[in-house]
């Protein structure tokens, strides 16, 4: 009889625990909360956060160009609009269902078109400074890619590379 009482008490305790857990679950969901998603943060940024990041990047680019090229307000607004449009178009291209090679070609074409448009807003002195900034940024990107191979170049290759750089500088000065 003693074991029978113990079995009934154990059964009552487990059923009471199960009932209370079910009741908590039911009441929790009735208040409009999901039982699966307890966290409010997500691993991916929201669309609003992405837009803020894009706007911040555009503002940084414009601030840099404004100080380097001494842009007036009209030039600043026009170039800012052009860069924003270019970034939107690049996002659209990057989301297309095409090969990576085609994406890179389209992005290159968009970038070239943006550079031409920006050049149309600049005067002669600003154009030269802008070309220098663009070539500097492109060489900076290439430099990041070539970090592993920098130390392995032979002296002849290094001098050839310097000669090519000097030739490109001369061409940009002549234009």
N, C-alpha and C. Protein backbone atom coordinates (compact mmCIF):
# COMPACT_ATOMS: atom_id res chain seq x y z
N UNK A 1 0.80 -1.18 0.00
CA UNK A 1 0.00 0.00 0.00
C UNK A 1 0.86 1.27 0.00
N UNK A 2 1.98 1.19 0.67
CA UNK A 2 2.89 2.31 0.74
C UNK A 2 3.47 2.63 -0.64
N UNK A 3 3.80 1.65 -1.44
CA UNK A 3 4.32 1.88 -2.78
C UNK A 3 3.23 2.45 -3.68
N UNK A 4 1.98 2.00 -3.41
CA UNK A 4 0.87 2.52 -4.19
C UNK A 4 0.68 4.01 -3.93
N UNK A 5 0.79 4.46 -2.69
CA UNK A 5 0.68 5.88 -2.35
C UNK A 5 1.81 6.67 -3.00
N UNK A 6 3.00 6.11 -2.96
CA UNK A 6 4.15 6.79 -3.56
C UNK A 6 3.96 6.95 -5.09
N UNK A 7 3.43 5.93 -5.72
CA UNK A 7 3.21 5.98 -7.16
C UNK A 7 2.17 7.06 -7.49
N UNK A 8 1.10 7.15 -6.71
CA UNK A 8 0.06 8.15 -6.95
C UNK A 8 0.61 9.55 -6.70
N UNK A 9 1.37 9.75 -5.65
CA UNK A 9 1.96 11.06 -5.37
C UNK A 9 2.92 11.46 -6.49
N UNK A 10 3.73 10.51 -6.98
CA UNK A 10 4.64 10.79 -8.10
C UNK A 10 3.88 11.16 -9.36
N UNK A 11 2.78 10.43 -9.62
CA UNK A 11 1.96 10.71 -10.79
C UNK A 11 1.32 12.10 -10.68
N UNK A 12 0.82 12.45 -9.49
CA UNK A 12 0.23 13.77 -9.29
C UNK A 12 1.26 14.88 -9.48
N UNK A 13 2.46 14.68 -8.95
CA UNK A 13 3.50 15.70 -9.10
C UNK A 13 3.90 15.90 -10.56
N UNK A 14 4.08 14.83 -11.31
CA UNK A 14 4.47 14.96 -12.72
C UNK A 14 3.34 15.57 -13.54
N UNK A 15 2.09 15.19 -13.25
CA UNK A 15 0.99 15.76 -14.02
C UNK A 15 0.80 17.25 -13.67
N UNK A 16 1.01 17.60 -12.41
CA UNK A 16 0.90 19.01 -12.02
C UNK A 16 1.98 19.84 -12.71
N UNK A 17 3.19 19.29 -12.79
CA UNK A 17 4.27 19.99 -13.48
C UNK A 17 3.96 20.16 -14.96
N UNK A 18 3.47 19.09 -15.58
CA UNK A 18 3.13 19.16 -17.01
C UNK A 18 2.00 20.15 -17.24
N UNK A 19 0.99 20.14 -16.37
CA UNK A 19 -0.12 21.08 -16.51
C UNK A 19 0.33 22.53 -16.37
N UNK A 20 1.20 22.78 -15.40
CA UNK A 20 1.65 24.16 -15.21
C UNK A 20 2.50 24.63 -16.40
N UNK A 21 3.30 23.73 -16.96
CA UNK A 21 4.08 24.13 -18.14
C UNK A 21 3.17 24.43 -19.32
N UNK A 22 2.13 23.59 -19.51
CA UNK A 22 1.20 23.82 -20.60
C UNK A 22 0.45 25.13 -20.38
N UNK A 23 0.05 25.39 -19.16
CA UNK A 23 -0.70 26.60 -18.83
C UNK A 23 0.16 27.84 -19.07
N UNK A 24 1.43 27.79 -18.69
CA UNK A 24 2.33 28.90 -18.95
C UNK A 24 2.49 29.14 -20.44
N UNK A 25 2.62 28.05 -21.20
CA UNK A 25 2.76 28.16 -22.65
C UNK A 25 1.52 28.80 -23.24
N UNK A 26 0.34 28.34 -22.82
CA UNK A 26 -0.91 28.85 -23.36
C UNK A 26 -1.09 30.33 -23.01
N UNK A 27 -0.86 30.70 -21.79
CA UNK A 27 -1.01 32.10 -21.38
C UNK A 27 0.02 32.99 -22.06
N UNK A 28 1.22 32.47 -22.23
CA UNK A 28 2.27 33.26 -22.88
C UNK A 28 1.86 33.58 -24.31
N UNK A 29 1.32 32.61 -25.03
CA UNK A 29 0.90 32.84 -26.41
C UNK A 29 -0.35 33.69 -26.49
N UNK A 30 -1.21 33.63 -25.51
CA UNK A 30 -2.43 34.44 -25.52
C UNK A 30 -2.11 35.91 -25.41
N UNK A 31 -0.98 36.24 -24.82
CA UNK A 31 -0.62 37.64 -24.67
C UNK A 31 0.04 38.18 -25.93
N UNK A 32 0.08 37.38 -27.00
CA UNK A 32 0.59 37.86 -28.27
C UNK A 32 2.06 37.61 -28.48
N UNK A 33 2.65 36.82 -27.65
CA UNK A 33 4.07 36.53 -27.81
C UNK A 33 4.24 35.15 -28.41
N UNK A 34 5.29 35.00 -29.13
CA UNK A 34 5.60 33.71 -29.74
C UNK A 34 6.46 32.90 -28.79
N UNK A 35 6.21 31.60 -28.76
CA UNK A 35 7.01 30.76 -27.89
C UNK A 35 8.36 30.42 -28.52
N UNK A 36 8.53 30.68 -29.78
CA UNK A 36 9.76 30.30 -30.46
C UNK A 36 10.78 31.43 -30.52
N UNK A 37 10.33 32.64 -30.63
CA UNK A 37 11.24 33.76 -30.82
C UNK A 37 11.32 34.60 -29.55
N UNK A 38 12.25 34.27 -28.68
CA UNK A 38 12.41 35.01 -27.45
C UNK A 38 13.32 36.22 -27.62
N UNK A 39 14.15 36.21 -28.65
CA UNK A 39 15.08 37.32 -28.84
C UNK A 39 14.50 38.31 -29.84
N UNK A 40 14.81 39.58 -29.63
CA UNK A 40 14.31 40.61 -30.54
C UNK A 40 15.37 41.01 -31.55
N UNK A 41 16.60 40.57 -31.34
CA UNK A 41 17.66 40.90 -32.28
C UNK A 41 17.79 39.81 -33.32
N UNK A 42 18.10 40.20 -34.54
CA UNK A 42 18.29 39.23 -35.61
C UNK A 42 19.72 39.27 -36.07
N UNK A 43 20.12 38.22 -36.75
CA UNK A 43 21.51 38.15 -37.19
C UNK A 43 21.75 39.03 -38.42
N UNK A 44 20.70 39.30 -39.21
CA UNK A 44 20.85 40.13 -40.39
C UNK A 44 20.35 41.53 -40.10
N UNK A 45 21.02 42.53 -40.65
CA UNK A 45 20.57 43.90 -40.42
C UNK A 45 19.25 44.17 -41.15
N UNK A 46 18.46 45.03 -40.59
CA UNK A 46 17.18 45.37 -41.20
C UNK A 46 17.41 46.29 -42.39
N UNK A 47 16.36 46.47 -43.17
CA UNK A 47 16.46 47.34 -44.34
C UNK A 47 16.77 48.78 -43.93
N UNK A 48 16.23 49.19 -42.78
CA UNK A 48 16.48 50.54 -42.28
C UNK A 48 17.96 50.72 -41.92
N UNK A 49 18.54 49.70 -41.29
CA UNK A 49 19.95 49.78 -40.92
C UNK A 49 20.84 49.81 -42.16
N UNK A 50 20.46 49.06 -43.17
CA UNK A 50 21.23 49.04 -44.41
C UNK A 50 21.18 50.41 -45.07
N UNK A 51 20.00 51.03 -45.11
CA UNK A 51 19.86 52.36 -45.70
C UNK A 51 20.67 53.40 -44.93
N UNK A 52 20.67 53.28 -43.60
CA UNK A 52 21.46 54.21 -42.79
C UNK A 52 22.94 54.06 -43.09
N UNK A 53 23.39 52.81 -43.24
CA UNK A 53 24.80 52.55 -43.53
C UNK A 53 25.18 53.11 -44.90
N UNK A 54 24.28 52.95 -45.88
CA UNK A 54 24.54 53.50 -47.22
C UNK A 54 24.62 55.02 -47.17
N UNK A 55 23.68 55.63 -46.46
CA UNK A 55 23.67 57.10 -46.36
C UNK A 55 24.94 57.59 -45.67
N UNK A 56 25.37 56.88 -44.65
CA UNK A 56 26.59 57.26 -43.94
C UNK A 56 27.81 57.14 -44.86
N UNK A 57 27.86 56.09 -45.66
CA UNK A 57 28.98 55.90 -46.59
C UNK A 57 28.98 57.01 -47.65
N UNK A 58 27.81 57.34 -48.17
CA UNK A 58 27.71 58.41 -49.16
C UNK A 58 28.17 59.73 -48.55
N UNK A 59 27.74 60.00 -47.33
CA UNK A 59 28.16 61.24 -46.66
C UNK A 59 29.67 61.29 -46.46
N UNK A 60 30.29 60.14 -46.14
CA UNK A 60 31.74 60.09 -45.98
C UNK A 60 32.44 60.37 -47.31
N UNK A 61 31.93 59.77 -48.37
CA UNK A 61 32.52 59.98 -49.70
C UNK A 61 32.42 61.46 -50.09
N UNK A 62 31.24 62.02 -49.89
CA UNK A 62 31.01 63.43 -50.25
C UNK A 62 31.89 64.35 -49.41
N UNK A 63 32.00 64.08 -48.12
CA UNK A 63 32.83 64.92 -47.26
C UNK A 63 34.29 64.87 -47.73
N UNK A 64 34.76 63.68 -48.10
CA UNK A 64 36.12 63.55 -48.59
C UNK A 64 36.31 64.32 -49.91
N UNK A 65 35.37 64.14 -50.84
CA UNK A 65 35.48 64.85 -52.12
C UNK A 65 35.38 66.36 -51.94
N UNK A 66 34.51 66.78 -51.02
CA UNK A 66 34.32 68.21 -50.80
C UNK A 66 35.60 68.86 -50.29
N UNK A 67 36.29 68.19 -49.38
CA UNK A 67 37.53 68.76 -48.85
C UNK A 67 38.67 68.64 -49.86
N UNK A 68 38.76 67.52 -50.54
CA UNK A 68 39.87 67.32 -51.48
C UNK A 68 39.73 68.18 -52.74
N UNK A 69 38.50 68.32 -53.23
CA UNK A 69 38.29 69.02 -54.50
C UNK A 69 37.76 70.45 -54.32
N UNK A 70 37.50 70.85 -53.10
CA UNK A 70 36.89 72.15 -52.79
C UNK A 70 35.64 72.39 -53.65
N UNK A 71 34.66 71.52 -53.45
CA UNK A 71 33.40 71.60 -54.20
C UNK A 71 32.51 72.70 -53.64
N UNK A 72 31.74 73.34 -54.52
CA UNK A 72 30.73 74.27 -54.04
C UNK A 72 29.45 73.48 -53.73
N UNK A 73 28.43 74.13 -53.22
CA UNK A 73 27.22 73.43 -52.78
C UNK A 73 26.48 72.76 -53.94
N UNK A 74 26.41 73.42 -55.08
CA UNK A 74 25.72 72.84 -56.23
C UNK A 74 26.42 71.57 -56.70
N UNK A 75 27.75 71.63 -56.78
CA UNK A 75 28.51 70.45 -57.16
C UNK A 75 28.32 69.33 -56.15
N UNK A 76 28.32 69.68 -54.87
CA UNK A 76 28.17 68.69 -53.82
C UNK A 76 26.84 67.97 -53.94
N UNK A 77 25.77 68.71 -54.14
CA UNK A 77 24.44 68.10 -54.26
C UNK A 77 24.35 67.22 -55.49
N UNK A 78 24.84 67.71 -56.63
CA UNK A 78 24.77 66.94 -57.87
C UNK A 78 25.58 65.66 -57.77
N UNK A 79 26.78 65.75 -57.22
CA UNK A 79 27.64 64.56 -57.10
C UNK A 79 27.06 63.58 -56.09
N UNK A 80 26.49 64.09 -55.02
CA UNK A 80 25.88 63.21 -54.01
C UNK A 80 24.72 62.43 -54.63
N UNK A 81 23.89 63.11 -55.41
CA UNK A 81 22.77 62.44 -56.07
C UNK A 81 23.27 61.39 -57.07
N UNK A 82 24.31 61.71 -57.78
CA UNK A 82 24.87 60.77 -58.76
C UNK A 82 25.44 59.53 -58.06
N UNK A 83 26.15 59.73 -56.96
CA UNK A 83 26.72 58.60 -56.23
C UNK A 83 25.61 57.73 -55.63
N UNK A 84 24.58 58.36 -55.08
CA UNK A 84 23.45 57.61 -54.52
C UNK A 84 22.76 56.78 -55.60
N UNK A 85 22.57 57.38 -56.76
CA UNK A 85 21.96 56.67 -57.88
C UNK A 85 22.83 55.50 -58.32
N UNK A 86 24.12 55.73 -58.38
CA UNK A 86 25.06 54.68 -58.78
C UNK A 86 25.03 53.52 -57.80
N UNK A 87 24.99 53.82 -56.52
CA UNK A 87 24.97 52.75 -55.50
C UNK A 87 23.68 51.94 -55.62
N UNK A 88 22.54 52.61 -55.87
CA UNK A 88 21.28 51.88 -56.05
C UNK A 88 21.37 50.95 -57.26
N UNK A 89 21.90 51.48 -58.36
CA UNK A 89 22.02 50.67 -59.58
C UNK A 89 22.95 49.48 -59.37
N UNK A 90 24.03 49.69 -58.64
CA UNK A 90 24.96 48.59 -58.37
C UNK A 90 24.28 47.53 -57.50
N UNK A 91 23.47 47.95 -56.54
CA UNK A 91 22.73 46.99 -55.72
C UNK A 91 21.77 46.18 -56.58
N UNK A 92 21.10 46.85 -57.50
CA UNK A 92 20.16 46.16 -58.39
C UNK A 92 20.91 45.13 -59.23
N UNK A 93 22.04 45.51 -59.79
CA UNK A 93 22.83 44.60 -60.61
C UNK A 93 23.32 43.42 -59.79
N UNK A 94 23.76 43.69 -58.57
CA UNK A 94 24.32 42.60 -57.75
C UNK A 94 23.25 41.60 -57.34
N UNK A 95 21.98 42.00 -57.34
CA UNK A 95 20.90 41.08 -56.99
C UNK A 95 20.33 40.34 -58.19
N UNK A 96 20.75 40.69 -59.39
CA UNK A 96 20.26 40.02 -60.59
C UNK A 96 20.73 38.57 -60.62
N UNK A 97 19.96 37.75 -61.30
CA UNK A 97 20.29 36.33 -61.46
C UNK A 97 21.11 36.13 -62.73
N UNK A 98 22.32 36.68 -62.74
CA UNK A 98 23.22 36.53 -63.88
C UNK A 98 24.57 36.06 -63.35
N UNK A 99 25.46 35.72 -64.26
CA UNK A 99 26.77 35.22 -63.84
C UNK A 99 27.60 36.34 -63.22
N UNK A 100 28.57 35.94 -62.44
CA UNK A 100 29.43 36.92 -61.77
C UNK A 100 30.20 37.76 -62.78
N UNK A 101 30.58 37.15 -63.89
CA UNK A 101 31.32 37.88 -64.92
C UNK A 101 30.47 39.01 -65.51
N UNK A 102 29.20 38.70 -65.80
CA UNK A 102 28.30 39.71 -66.34
C UNK A 102 28.04 40.80 -65.31
N UNK A 103 27.90 40.40 -64.03
CA UNK A 103 27.70 41.39 -62.97
C UNK A 103 28.88 42.34 -62.90
N UNK A 104 30.10 41.79 -62.95
CA UNK A 104 31.28 42.65 -62.85
C UNK A 104 31.37 43.59 -64.05
N UNK A 105 30.99 43.13 -65.23
CA UNK A 105 31.01 43.99 -66.41
C UNK A 105 30.01 45.14 -66.26
N UNK A 106 28.80 44.81 -65.79
CA UNK A 106 27.78 45.85 -65.62
C UNK A 106 28.18 46.85 -64.54
N UNK A 107 28.74 46.34 -63.46
CA UNK A 107 29.17 47.23 -62.37
C UNK A 107 30.30 48.13 -62.85
N UNK A 108 31.22 47.59 -63.64
CA UNK A 108 32.31 48.39 -64.20
C UNK A 108 31.76 49.49 -65.10
N UNK A 109 30.76 49.14 -65.93
CA UNK A 109 30.14 50.13 -66.81
C UNK A 109 29.45 51.22 -66.00
N UNK A 110 28.74 50.83 -64.93
CA UNK A 110 28.08 51.81 -64.08
C UNK A 110 29.10 52.73 -63.40
N UNK A 111 30.20 52.16 -62.94
CA UNK A 111 31.24 52.95 -62.28
C UNK A 111 31.87 53.93 -63.26
N UNK A 112 32.15 53.47 -64.47
CA UNK A 112 32.73 54.36 -65.48
C UNK A 112 31.77 55.49 -65.82
N UNK A 113 30.50 55.16 -65.95
CA UNK A 113 29.50 56.19 -66.28
C UNK A 113 29.40 57.21 -65.15
N UNK A 114 29.47 56.74 -63.92
CA UNK A 114 29.42 57.64 -62.77
C UNK A 114 30.62 58.57 -62.76
N UNK A 115 31.80 58.03 -63.05
CA UNK A 115 33.00 58.86 -63.09
C UNK A 115 32.89 59.93 -64.17
N UNK A 116 32.37 59.57 -65.32
CA UNK A 116 32.20 60.54 -66.41
C UNK A 116 31.22 61.64 -65.99
N UNK A 117 30.12 61.24 -65.36
CA UNK A 117 29.12 62.22 -64.93
C UNK A 117 29.70 63.15 -63.88
N UNK A 118 30.44 62.59 -62.92
CA UNK A 118 31.05 63.42 -61.88
C UNK A 118 32.05 64.39 -62.52
N UNK A 119 32.83 63.92 -63.48
CA UNK A 119 33.78 64.78 -64.18
C UNK A 119 33.09 65.94 -64.88
N UNK A 120 31.86 65.71 -65.35
CA UNK A 120 31.15 66.78 -66.05
C UNK A 120 30.77 67.93 -65.11
N UNK A 121 30.71 67.65 -63.81
CA UNK A 121 30.39 68.70 -62.84
C UNK A 121 31.61 69.47 -62.35
N UNK A 122 32.80 68.99 -62.67
CA UNK A 122 34.03 69.58 -62.13
C UNK A 122 34.69 70.53 -63.12
N UNK A 123 35.46 71.49 -62.58
CA UNK A 123 36.26 72.35 -63.45
C UNK A 123 37.60 71.64 -63.71
N UNK A 124 38.47 72.26 -64.49
CA UNK A 124 39.71 71.60 -64.93
C UNK A 124 40.62 71.20 -63.76
N UNK A 125 40.81 72.10 -62.81
CA UNK A 125 41.68 71.79 -61.67
C UNK A 125 41.09 70.68 -60.82
N UNK A 126 39.79 70.70 -60.65
CA UNK A 126 39.13 69.67 -59.86
C UNK A 126 39.19 68.32 -60.56
N UNK A 127 39.11 68.34 -61.91
CA UNK A 127 39.19 67.09 -62.66
C UNK A 127 40.53 66.40 -62.45
N UNK A 128 41.61 67.18 -62.46
CA UNK A 128 42.93 66.59 -62.25
C UNK A 128 43.05 66.00 -60.85
N UNK A 129 42.55 66.73 -59.85
CA UNK A 129 42.59 66.21 -58.48
C UNK A 129 41.73 64.95 -58.36
N UNK A 130 40.59 64.96 -59.05
CA UNK A 130 39.68 63.80 -59.00
C UNK A 130 40.34 62.58 -59.64
N UNK A 131 41.00 62.78 -60.78
CA UNK A 131 41.70 61.67 -61.43
C UNK A 131 42.78 61.11 -60.51
N UNK A 132 43.47 61.99 -59.82
CA UNK A 132 44.50 61.53 -58.89
C UNK A 132 43.88 60.73 -57.75
N UNK A 133 42.76 61.20 -57.23
CA UNK A 133 42.08 60.47 -56.16
C UNK A 133 41.61 59.10 -56.62
N UNK A 134 41.05 59.05 -57.82
CA UNK A 134 40.56 57.78 -58.36
C UNK A 134 41.71 56.80 -58.58
N UNK A 135 42.79 57.28 -59.19
CA UNK A 135 43.92 56.39 -59.44
C UNK A 135 44.55 55.93 -58.11
N UNK A 136 44.56 56.83 -57.13
CA UNK A 136 45.09 56.47 -55.80
C UNK A 136 44.22 55.40 -55.15
N UNK A 137 42.91 55.55 -55.26
CA UNK A 137 42.02 54.55 -54.64
C UNK A 137 42.10 53.22 -55.38
N UNK A 138 42.23 53.26 -56.71
CA UNK A 138 42.37 52.02 -57.47
C UNK A 138 43.68 51.32 -57.14
N UNK A 139 44.75 52.08 -57.04
CA UNK A 139 46.03 51.47 -56.70
C UNK A 139 46.02 50.95 -55.27
N UNK A 140 45.26 51.60 -54.40
CA UNK A 140 45.12 51.13 -53.02
C UNK A 140 44.41 49.79 -52.99
N UNK A 141 43.37 49.63 -53.81
CA UNK A 141 42.65 48.36 -53.87
C UNK A 141 43.53 47.28 -54.47
N UNK A 142 44.28 47.61 -55.53
CA UNK A 142 45.17 46.63 -56.12
C UNK A 142 46.27 46.25 -55.14
N UNK A 143 46.72 47.22 -54.36
CA UNK A 143 47.77 46.97 -53.38
C UNK A 143 47.31 45.99 -52.32
N UNK A 144 46.04 46.07 -51.94
CA UNK A 144 45.51 45.13 -50.95
C UNK A 144 45.45 43.73 -51.53
N UNK A 145 45.13 43.62 -52.81
CA UNK A 145 45.06 42.30 -53.43
C UNK A 145 46.44 41.70 -53.62
N UNK A 146 47.45 42.54 -53.88
CA UNK A 146 48.78 42.07 -54.19
C UNK A 146 49.72 42.01 -52.99
N UNK A 147 49.23 42.07 -51.79
CA UNK A 147 50.10 42.10 -50.63
C UNK A 147 50.98 40.87 -50.55
N UNK A 148 50.44 39.73 -50.93
CA UNK A 148 51.22 38.49 -50.85
C UNK A 148 52.36 38.47 -51.86
N UNK A 149 52.17 39.11 -53.01
CA UNK A 149 53.17 39.04 -54.06
C UNK A 149 54.15 40.19 -54.04
N UNK A 150 53.96 41.15 -53.17
CA UNK A 150 54.85 42.32 -53.16
C UNK A 150 56.29 41.96 -52.89
N UNK A 151 56.52 41.14 -51.90
CA UNK A 151 57.89 40.81 -51.52
C UNK A 151 58.56 39.85 -52.46
N UNK A 152 57.81 39.20 -53.36
CA UNK A 152 58.38 38.18 -54.22
C UNK A 152 58.80 38.70 -55.59
N UNK A 153 58.59 39.94 -55.88
CA UNK A 153 58.97 40.49 -57.19
C UNK A 153 60.48 40.62 -57.30
N UNK A 154 60.94 40.34 -58.47
CA UNK A 154 62.36 40.53 -58.74
C UNK A 154 62.62 42.02 -58.97
N UNK A 155 63.88 42.42 -58.90
CA UNK A 155 64.20 43.84 -59.05
C UNK A 155 63.80 44.35 -60.43
N UNK A 156 63.94 43.56 -61.45
CA UNK A 156 63.56 43.96 -62.80
C UNK A 156 62.07 44.22 -62.90
N UNK A 157 61.28 43.35 -62.27
CA UNK A 157 59.84 43.53 -62.30
C UNK A 157 59.43 44.79 -61.54
N UNK A 158 60.13 45.08 -60.46
CA UNK A 158 59.81 46.27 -59.69
C UNK A 158 60.08 47.53 -60.50
N UNK A 159 61.21 47.56 -61.21
CA UNK A 159 61.51 48.74 -62.00
C UNK A 159 60.54 48.89 -63.17
N UNK A 160 60.10 47.74 -63.76
CA UNK A 160 59.11 47.81 -64.82
C UNK A 160 57.79 48.36 -64.30
N UNK A 161 57.42 47.94 -63.11
CA UNK A 161 56.18 48.44 -62.52
C UNK A 161 56.27 49.94 -62.27
N UNK A 162 57.42 50.42 -61.79
CA UNK A 162 57.60 51.85 -61.55
C UNK A 162 57.54 52.62 -62.86
N UNK A 163 58.15 52.08 -63.92
CA UNK A 163 58.10 52.73 -65.23
C UNK A 163 56.66 52.85 -65.73
N UNK A 164 55.88 51.79 -65.54
CA UNK A 164 54.48 51.82 -65.97
C UNK A 164 53.70 52.87 -65.18
N UNK A 165 53.96 52.96 -63.89
CA UNK A 165 53.28 53.97 -63.08
C UNK A 165 53.65 55.37 -63.53
N UNK A 166 54.91 55.60 -63.83
CA UNK A 166 55.34 56.91 -64.30
C UNK A 166 54.69 57.26 -65.63
N UNK A 167 54.56 56.26 -66.52
CA UNK A 167 53.92 56.50 -67.81
C UNK A 167 52.45 56.88 -67.63
N UNK A 168 51.76 56.18 -66.74
CA UNK A 168 50.36 56.52 -66.53
C UNK A 168 50.19 57.89 -65.90
N UNK A 169 51.13 58.28 -65.03
CA UNK A 169 51.08 59.62 -64.44
C UNK A 169 51.29 60.67 -65.52
N UNK A 170 52.25 60.41 -66.43
CA UNK A 170 52.51 61.35 -67.51
C UNK A 170 51.29 61.50 -68.41
N UNK A 171 50.61 60.39 -68.69
CA UNK A 171 49.43 60.45 -69.55
C UNK A 171 48.32 61.26 -68.90
N UNK A 172 48.11 61.08 -67.60
CA UNK A 172 47.06 61.84 -66.93
C UNK A 172 47.39 63.31 -66.84
N UNK A 173 48.66 63.66 -66.73
CA UNK A 173 49.06 65.05 -66.68
C UNK A 173 48.84 65.69 -68.05
N UNK A 174 49.14 64.95 -69.11
CA UNK A 174 48.97 65.49 -70.47
C UNK A 174 47.52 65.75 -70.80
N UNK A 175 46.62 64.87 -70.31
CA UNK A 175 45.19 65.03 -70.60
C UNK A 175 44.66 66.23 -69.87
